Amino acid sequence: MAIVQEKAMCVLWFFETKSVITTQRRFRTTYKKDPPSNNSIRCWLTQFQETGSVLHRKGAGRPSTSQENVDRIQETFTRSPRNVCQEHCVQHPCALP
């Protein structure tokens, strides 16, 4: 896996030479290790053209939970925990033996 500086240099070399092969050769001579694949270089190029960056895209991750929703759910369970649990089990049956 290439670090950000290596990715950036690959994009720069590709813009200079318009050749993936030449980019891979420059990478090998500069960093003394196996060059990234053709697909990797093209992905970094596309990413740079779309976002202006070669940094790893942040994933969506876990959705945030608002304090308002937490309070609303806690209030519902506090008022009638038995009814809420029964309704939940009916709507989302568990696979019990």
N, C-alpha and C. Protein backbone atom coordinates (compact mmCIF):
# COMPACT_ATOMS: atom_id res chain seq x y z
N MET A 1 0.85 -1.18 0.00
CA MET A 1 0.00 0.00 0.00
C MET A 1 0.89 1.24 0.00
N ALA A 2 0.63 2.13 -0.91
CA ALA A 2 1.42 3.35 -1.04
C ALA A 2 0.97 4.39 -0.03
N ILE A 3 1.94 5.15 0.46
CA ILE A 3 1.60 6.25 1.36
C ILE A 3 1.15 7.44 0.52
N VAL A 4 0.62 8.46 1.18
CA VAL A 4 0.03 9.60 0.48
C VAL A 4 1.06 10.28 -0.43
N GLN A 5 2.28 10.44 0.05
CA GLN A 5 3.31 11.10 -0.76
C GLN A 5 3.59 10.30 -2.04
N GLU A 6 3.63 8.99 -1.93
CA GLU A 6 3.87 8.15 -3.10
C GLU A 6 2.71 8.24 -4.09
N LYS A 7 1.49 8.27 -3.57
CA LYS A 7 0.32 8.42 -4.44
C LYS A 7 0.37 9.75 -5.18
N ALA A 8 0.70 10.81 -4.44
CA ALA A 8 0.76 12.14 -5.04
C ALA A 8 1.82 12.20 -6.14
N MET A 9 2.97 11.58 -5.89
CA MET A 9 4.02 11.57 -6.90
C MET A 9 3.59 10.78 -8.14
N CYS A 10 2.88 9.69 -7.94
CA CYS A 10 2.38 8.92 -9.09
C CYS A 10 1.44 9.76 -9.94
N VAL A 11 0.56 10.50 -9.29
CA VAL A 11 -0.36 11.37 -10.03
C VAL A 11 0.42 12.44 -10.79
N LEU A 12 1.40 13.05 -10.13
CA LEU A 12 2.23 14.07 -10.77
C LEU A 12 2.97 13.50 -11.97
N TRP A 13 3.62 12.34 -11.78
CA TRP A 13 4.36 11.72 -12.88
C TRP A 13 3.44 11.35 -14.03
N PHE A 14 2.24 10.88 -13.71
CA PHE A 14 1.31 10.53 -14.78
C PHE A 14 0.92 11.78 -15.58
N PHE A 15 0.66 12.90 -14.88
CA PHE A 15 0.32 14.14 -15.59
C PHE A 15 1.48 14.60 -16.47
N GLU A 16 2.71 14.39 -15.99
CA GLU A 16 3.88 14.79 -16.78
C GLU A 16 4.07 13.92 -18.01
N THR A 17 3.91 12.61 -17.84
CA THR A 17 4.28 11.67 -18.91
C THR A 17 3.09 11.10 -19.69
N LYS A 18 1.92 11.14 -19.10
CA LYS A 18 0.71 10.55 -19.71
C LYS A 18 0.88 9.04 -19.94
N SER A 19 1.71 8.41 -19.09
CA SER A 19 1.98 6.99 -19.26
C SER A 19 2.04 6.29 -17.91
N VAL A 20 1.23 5.24 -17.77
CA VAL A 20 1.26 4.46 -16.54
C VAL A 20 2.58 3.70 -16.42
N ILE A 21 3.07 3.17 -17.53
CA ILE A 21 4.32 2.40 -17.52
C ILE A 21 5.48 3.28 -17.05
N THR A 22 5.59 4.47 -17.60
CA THR A 22 6.66 5.39 -17.20
C THR A 22 6.51 5.78 -15.74
N THR A 23 5.28 5.98 -15.31
CA THR A 23 5.02 6.30 -13.90
C THR A 23 5.49 5.16 -13.01
N GLN A 24 5.18 3.93 -13.40
CA GLN A 24 5.62 2.78 -12.62
C GLN A 24 7.14 2.66 -12.58
N ARG A 25 7.80 2.94 -13.69
CA ARG A 25 9.27 2.89 -13.73
C ARG A 25 9.89 3.95 -12.81
N ARG A 26 9.35 5.16 -12.86
CA ARG A 26 9.86 6.22 -11.99
C ARG A 26 9.64 5.87 -10.52
N PHE A 27 8.49 5.27 -10.23
CA PHE A 27 8.20 4.86 -8.86
C PHE A 27 9.25 3.85 -8.39
N ARG A 28 9.52 2.84 -9.21
CA ARG A 28 10.48 1.79 -8.85
C ARG A 28 11.87 2.37 -8.62
N THR A 29 12.32 3.27 -9.48
CA THR A 29 13.66 3.84 -9.32
C THR A 29 13.74 4.81 -8.15
N THR A 30 12.66 5.52 -7.87
CA THR A 30 12.66 6.49 -6.78
C THR A 30 12.54 5.83 -5.42
N TYR A 31 11.60 4.90 -5.28
CA TYR A 31 11.29 4.33 -3.97
C TYR A 31 11.90 2.94 -3.74
N LYS A 32 12.57 2.39 -4.74
CA LYS A 32 13.25 1.09 -4.60
C LYS A 32 12.32 -0.02 -4.11
N LYS A 33 11.11 -0.03 -4.62
CA LYS A 33 10.16 -1.10 -4.29
C LYS A 33 9.20 -1.28 -5.46
N ASP A 34 8.44 -2.36 -5.40
CA ASP A 34 7.51 -2.66 -6.50
C ASP A 34 6.52 -1.51 -6.68
N PRO A 35 6.26 -1.15 -7.93
CA PRO A 35 5.33 -0.04 -8.18
C PRO A 35 3.88 -0.47 -7.99
N PRO A 36 2.99 0.49 -7.81
CA PRO A 36 1.56 0.17 -7.71
C PRO A 36 1.04 -0.31 -9.07
N SER A 37 -0.08 -0.98 -9.01
CA SER A 37 -0.67 -1.53 -10.24
C SER A 37 -1.22 -0.42 -11.12
N ASN A 38 -1.46 -0.78 -12.36
CA ASN A 38 -2.08 0.12 -13.32
C ASN A 38 -3.41 0.64 -12.77
N ASN A 39 -4.23 -0.27 -12.22
CA ASN A 39 -5.53 0.13 -11.68
C ASN A 39 -5.39 1.10 -10.52
N SER A 40 -4.42 0.87 -9.64
CA SER A 40 -4.23 1.77 -8.50
C SER A 40 -3.90 3.18 -8.97
N ILE A 41 -2.97 3.28 -9.90
CA ILE A 41 -2.57 4.61 -10.40
C ILE A 41 -3.76 5.30 -11.05
N ARG A 42 -4.53 4.55 -11.84
CA ARG A 42 -5.70 5.16 -12.50
C ARG A 42 -6.77 5.57 -11.48
N CYS A 43 -6.94 4.78 -10.42
CA CYS A 43 -7.90 5.14 -9.37
C CYS A 43 -7.47 6.42 -8.66
N TRP A 44 -6.17 6.53 -8.35
CA TRP A 44 -5.67 7.73 -7.68
C TRP A 44 -5.84 8.95 -8.59
N LEU A 45 -5.60 8.75 -9.88
CA LEU A 45 -5.76 9.84 -10.84
C LEU A 45 -7.22 10.31 -10.88
N THR A 46 -8.13 9.36 -10.97
CA THR A 46 -9.56 9.70 -10.98
C THR A 46 -9.97 10.39 -9.69
N GLN A 47 -9.50 9.85 -8.57
CA GLN A 47 -9.83 10.45 -7.28
C GLN A 47 -9.29 11.88 -7.19
N PHE A 48 -8.07 12.09 -7.67
CA PHE A 48 -7.48 13.42 -7.64
C PHE A 48 -8.28 14.39 -8.52
N GLN A 49 -8.69 13.93 -9.69
CA GLN A 49 -9.46 14.79 -10.59
C GLN A 49 -10.84 15.12 -10.02
N GLU A 50 -11.43 14.19 -9.28
CA GLU A 50 -12.77 14.42 -8.71
C GLU A 50 -12.74 15.23 -7.43
N THR A 51 -11.71 14.99 -6.58
CA THR A 51 -11.71 15.60 -5.25
C THR A 51 -10.56 16.56 -5.01
N GLY A 52 -9.53 16.51 -5.86
CA GLY A 52 -8.35 17.34 -5.64
C GLY A 52 -7.43 16.78 -4.58
N SER A 53 -7.63 15.51 -4.22
CA SER A 53 -6.84 14.89 -3.16
C SER A 53 -6.65 13.41 -3.46
N VAL A 54 -5.55 12.85 -2.92
CA VAL A 54 -5.34 11.41 -3.01
C VAL A 54 -5.47 10.76 -1.65
N LEU A 55 -5.93 11.53 -0.67
CA LEU A 55 -6.15 10.98 0.66
C LEU A 55 -7.27 9.96 0.62
N HIS A 56 -7.21 9.02 1.55
CA HIS A 56 -8.24 7.99 1.65
C HIS A 56 -9.59 8.64 1.91
N ARG A 57 -10.57 8.23 1.15
CA ARG A 57 -11.92 8.76 1.35
C ARG A 57 -12.50 8.23 2.64
N LYS A 58 -13.08 9.11 3.40
CA LYS A 58 -13.68 8.69 4.66
C LYS A 58 -14.99 7.98 4.35
N GLY A 59 -15.17 6.83 4.97
CA GLY A 59 -16.40 6.08 4.78
C GLY A 59 -17.56 6.73 5.52
N ALA A 60 -18.73 6.23 5.27
CA ALA A 60 -19.93 6.77 5.90
C ALA A 60 -19.88 6.56 7.41
N GLY A 61 -19.36 5.43 7.84
CA GLY A 61 -19.26 5.17 9.27
C GLY A 61 -20.61 4.95 9.91
N ARG A 62 -20.60 4.95 11.20
CA ARG A 62 -21.82 4.74 11.95
C ARG A 62 -22.63 6.03 11.97
N PRO A 63 -23.93 5.94 11.74
CA PRO A 63 -24.74 7.16 11.76
C PRO A 63 -24.81 7.75 13.16
N SER A 64 -24.88 9.05 13.21
CA SER A 64 -24.92 9.70 14.51
C SER A 64 -26.32 9.57 15.11
N THR A 65 -26.37 9.59 16.43
CA THR A 65 -27.62 9.51 17.15
C THR A 65 -27.82 10.83 17.87
N SER A 66 -28.93 11.49 17.60
CA SER A 66 -29.17 12.77 18.23
C SER A 66 -29.64 12.56 19.67
N GLN A 67 -29.32 13.52 20.50
CA GLN A 67 -29.75 13.44 21.90
C GLN A 67 -31.27 13.46 21.98
N GLU A 68 -31.91 14.12 21.04
CA GLU A 68 -33.37 14.18 21.01
C GLU A 68 -33.96 12.78 20.84
N ASN A 69 -33.40 11.98 19.93
CA ASN A 69 -33.89 10.61 19.73
C ASN A 69 -33.64 9.74 20.96
N VAL A 70 -32.47 9.89 21.57
CA VAL A 70 -32.15 9.11 22.77
C VAL A 70 -33.16 9.44 23.87
N ASP A 71 -33.42 10.72 24.08
CA ASP A 71 -34.38 11.14 25.12
C ASP A 71 -35.78 10.60 24.84
N ARG A 72 -36.20 10.66 23.58
CA ARG A 72 -37.53 10.19 23.20
C ARG A 72 -37.68 8.69 23.47
N ILE A 73 -36.68 7.91 23.11
CA ILE A 73 -36.74 6.46 23.31
C ILE A 73 -36.70 6.11 24.79
N GLN A 74 -35.85 6.81 25.54
CA GLN A 74 -35.79 6.56 26.98
C GLN A 74 -37.12 6.87 27.65
N GLU A 75 -37.75 7.94 27.22
CA GLU A 75 -39.05 8.33 27.79
C GLU A 75 -40.10 7.26 27.48
N THR A 76 -40.09 6.74 26.26
CA THR A 76 -41.05 5.71 25.87
C THR A 76 -40.87 4.46 26.71
N PHE A 77 -39.64 4.02 26.90
CA PHE A 77 -39.37 2.83 27.72
C PHE A 77 -39.71 3.07 29.18
N THR A 78 -39.49 4.27 29.66
CA THR A 78 -39.77 4.58 31.06
C THR A 78 -41.27 4.54 31.34
N ARG A 79 -42.07 5.04 30.40
CA ARG A 79 -43.52 5.06 30.59
C ARG A 79 -44.11 3.66 30.59
N SER A 80 -43.74 2.84 29.62
CA SER A 80 -44.35 1.51 29.52
C SER A 80 -43.35 0.52 28.92
N PRO A 81 -42.40 0.07 29.71
CA PRO A 81 -41.37 -0.82 29.17
C PRO A 81 -41.92 -2.14 28.64
N ARG A 82 -42.94 -2.69 29.30
CA ARG A 82 -43.48 -3.98 28.87
C ARG A 82 -44.13 -3.86 27.49
N ASN A 83 -44.96 -2.84 27.30
CA ASN A 83 -45.65 -2.66 26.02
C ASN A 83 -44.66 -2.42 24.89
N VAL A 84 -43.65 -1.61 25.16
CA VAL A 84 -42.67 -1.31 24.13
C VAL A 84 -41.91 -2.57 23.72
N CYS A 85 -41.53 -3.38 24.70
CA CYS A 85 -40.81 -4.63 24.40
C CYS A 85 -41.68 -5.60 23.61
N GLN A 86 -42.96 -5.70 24.00
CA GLN A 86 -43.86 -6.61 23.28
C GLN A 86 -44.06 -6.15 21.84
N GLU A 87 -44.25 -4.85 21.65
CA GLU A 87 -44.43 -4.33 20.30
C GLU A 87 -43.19 -4.58 19.45
N HIS A 88 -42.03 -4.39 20.06
CA HIS A 88 -40.78 -4.61 19.34
C HIS A 88 -40.65 -6.07 18.91
N CYS A 89 -40.99 -6.99 19.81
CA CYS A 89 -40.87 -8.42 19.51
C CYS A 89 -41.85 -8.83 18.41
N VAL A 90 -43.02 -8.22 18.37
CA VAL A 90 -44.00 -8.53 17.33
C VAL A 90 -43.51 -8.00 15.98
N GLN A 91 -42.96 -6.79 15.97
CA GLN A 91 -42.50 -6.19 14.72
C GLN A 91 -41.20 -6.81 14.22
N HIS A 92 -40.34 -7.26 15.14
CA HIS A 92 -39.04 -7.82 14.79
C HIS A 92 -38.85 -9.16 15.49
N PRO A 93 -39.53 -10.21 15.01
CA PRO A 93 -39.43 -11.50 15.70
C PRO A 93 -38.00 -12.05 15.68
N CYS A 94 -37.63 -12.60 16.81
CA CYS A 94 -36.30 -13.20 16.94
C CYS A 94 -36.39 -14.67 16.55
N ALA A 95 -35.29 -15.19 16.11
CA ALA A 95 -35.24 -16.61 15.76
C ALA A 95 -34.92 -17.41 17.01
N LEU A 96 -35.96 -17.73 17.76
CA LEU A 96 -35.78 -18.49 19.00
C LEU A 96 -36.06 -19.96 18.74
N PRO A 97 -35.37 -20.86 19.45
CA PRO A 97 -35.61 -22.29 19.23
C PRO A 97 -36.96 -22.73 19.74
